[in-house]
């Protein structure tokens, strides 16, 4: 009578091991399939992005290059914000000073970073030669 119980438990144990092995193999196959799909999708997306955005990006870089050339072009800057040089009648303390800026912004002159409205006397305490 005990023999059939042992066989029953042996069959149940074997079935459990076989089911566990089956699910491990299925899990491995699904994982490999998912990795393959992920690789295919990422490759497809990379190609699509490159195909769609490469021309846009290239034209943007070219336009940005032109804009940068214009932005750093001093001639264009002088048209927008003209530079006034100091002279003996106006801002004599600023002649030859490295801090002198002398640009007009909206009709207002920025003389220098130390003294935005200029120095009244002939000798500026912050004067430094160029």
Protein backbone atom coordinates (compact mmCIF):
# COMPACT_ATOMS: atom_id res chain seq x y z
CA UNK A 1 0.00 0.00 0.00
CA UNK A 2 2.85 2.35 0.68
CA UNK A 3 4.40 1.60 -2.69
CA UNK A 4 1.71 3.40 -4.68
CA UNK A 5 2.03 6.45 -2.37
CA UNK A 6 5.76 6.63 -3.02
CA UNK A 7 5.15 6.30 -6.75
CA UNK A 8 2.48 8.99 -6.61
CA UNK A 9 4.85 11.41 -4.84
CA UNK A 10 7.61 10.50 -7.28
CA UNK A 11 5.32 11.20 -10.24
CA UNK A 12 4.20 14.48 -8.65
CA UNK A 13 7.80 15.51 -7.99
CA UNK A 14 8.84 14.62 -11.55
CA UNK A 15 5.90 16.55 -12.98
CA UNK A 16 6.84 19.56 -10.85
CA UNK A 17 10.45 19.44 -12.06
CA UNK A 18 9.36 19.08 -15.68
CA UNK A 19 6.94 22.01 -15.36
CA UNK A 20 9.64 24.14 -13.74
CA UNK A 21 12.11 23.29 -16.52
CA UNK A 22 9.44 24.00 -19.15
CA UNK A 23 8.71 27.46 -17.72
CA UNK A 24 12.44 28.27 -17.44
CA UNK A 25 12.93 27.37 -21.10
CA UNK A 26 9.85 29.40 -22.11
CA UNK A 27 11.15 32.32 -20.06
CA UNK A 28 14.55 32.10 -21.77
CA UNK A 29 12.97 31.96 -25.25
CA UNK A 30 10.74 34.94 -24.46
CA UNK A 31 13.73 36.90 -23.13
CA UNK A 32 15.78 36.20 -26.26
CA UNK A 33 12.82 37.14 -28.45
CA UNK A 34 12.30 40.40 -26.50
CA UNK A 35 15.99 41.29 -26.86
CA UNK A 36 15.82 40.61 -30.60
CA UNK A 37 12.69 42.77 -30.95
CA UNK A 38 14.29 45.52 -28.88
CA UNK A 39 17.40 45.49 -31.09
CA UNK A 40 15.28 45.61 -34.24
CA UNK A 41 13.12 48.46 -32.93
CA UNK A 42 16.08 50.52 -31.72
CA UNK A 43 17.87 50.05 -35.05
CA UNK A 44 14.72 51.07 -36.92
CA UNK A 45 14.20 54.12 -34.72
CA UNK A 46 17.84 55.19 -35.11
CA UNK A 47 17.56 54.93 -38.89
CA UNK A 48 14.27 56.82 -38.89
CA UNK A 49 15.60 59.59 -36.66
CA UNK A 50 18.74 59.90 -38.74
CA UNK A 51 16.75 59.95 -41.97
CA UNK A 52 14.23 62.52 -40.74
CA UNK A 53 16.31 64.80 -38.56
CA UNK A 54 19.74 64.77 -40.19
CA UNK A 55 18.74 67.25 -42.94
CA UNK A 56 16.94 69.45 -40.41
CA UNK A 57 19.89 69.35 -38.04
CA UNK A 58 22.38 70.09 -40.82
CA UNK A 59 20.39 73.09 -42.01
CA UNK A 60 20.05 74.29 -38.40
CA UNK A 61 23.80 74.03 -37.87
CA UNK A 62 24.43 75.96 -41.09
CA UNK A 63 21.90 78.64 -40.12
CA UNK A 64 23.36 78.79 -36.61
CA UNK A 65 26.82 79.20 -38.12
CA UNK A 66 25.59 82.15 -40.21
CA UNK A 67 23.87 83.65 -37.19
CA UNK A 68 27.03 83.23 -35.11
CA UNK A 69 29.06 84.94 -37.82
CA UNK A 70 26.64 87.86 -37.81
CA UNK A 71 26.46 87.94 -34.03
CA UNK A 72 30.20 88.17 -33.57
CA UNK A 73 30.69 90.45 -36.53
CA UNK A 74 31.87 93.75 -35.07
CA UNK A 75 30.68 95.74 -38.08
CA UNK A 76 27.11 94.57 -37.52
CA UNK A 77 27.49 95.34 -33.81
CA UNK A 78 28.63 98.88 -34.59
CA UNK A 79 25.47 99.47 -36.61
CA UNK A 80 23.28 98.49 -33.68
CA UNK A 81 25.40 99.89 -30.83
CA UNK A 82 27.85 102.48 -32.18
CA UNK A 83 31.08 103.05 -30.27
CA UNK A 84 32.07 106.56 -29.25
CA UNK A 85 35.74 107.24 -28.59
CA UNK A 86 36.66 109.46 -25.63
CA UNK A 87 38.18 112.85 -26.42
CA UNK A 88 39.47 115.92 -24.55
CA UNK A 89 35.99 117.52 -24.40
CA UNK A 90 34.04 114.42 -23.44
CA UNK A 91 35.38 111.89 -20.90
CA UNK A 92 39.06 112.92 -20.97
CA UNK A 93 39.87 110.63 -18.01
CA UNK A 94 38.90 107.64 -20.15
CA UNK A 95 41.37 108.20 -22.99
CA UNK A 96 43.56 105.07 -23.29
CA UNK A 97 41.82 103.24 -20.42
CA UNK A 98 41.25 99.51 -20.77
CA UNK A 99 37.89 99.73 -18.95
CA UNK A 100 36.41 102.16 -21.47
CA UNK A 101 33.41 100.66 -23.27
CA UNK A 102 31.80 103.64 -25.01
CA UNK A 103 28.77 101.96 -26.62
CA UNK A 104 25.30 103.38 -27.09
CA UNK A 105 22.44 101.16 -25.93
CA UNK A 106 19.00 102.51 -26.68
CA UNK A 107 20.40 106.03 -26.83
CA UNK A 108 22.19 105.69 -23.45
CA UNK A 109 25.98 105.69 -23.34
CA UNK A 110 27.70 103.06 -21.19
CA UNK A 111 31.08 104.65 -20.58
CA UNK A 112 32.76 101.86 -18.61
CA UNK A 113 32.11 99.06 -16.15
CA UNK A 114 33.60 100.99 -13.23
CA UNK A 115 31.81 104.28 -13.88
CA UNK A 116 28.81 103.74 -16.18
CA UNK A 117 28.26 107.50 -16.60
CA UNK A 118 31.93 108.41 -16.87
CA UNK A 119 34.36 110.15 -14.52
CA UNK A 120 33.99 113.91 -14.01
CA UNK A 121 37.64 114.84 -13.35
CA UNK A 122 40.66 114.56 -15.62
CA UNK A 123 42.16 111.66 -13.61
CA UNK A 124 40.12 108.52 -12.93
CA UNK A 125 41.18 106.48 -9.85
CA UNK A 126 40.45 103.22 -11.71
CA UNK A 127 42.35 104.09 -14.90
CA UNK A 128 44.45 101.25 -16.38
CA UNK A 129 46.31 101.50 -19.64
CA UNK A 130 45.54 99.23 -22.55
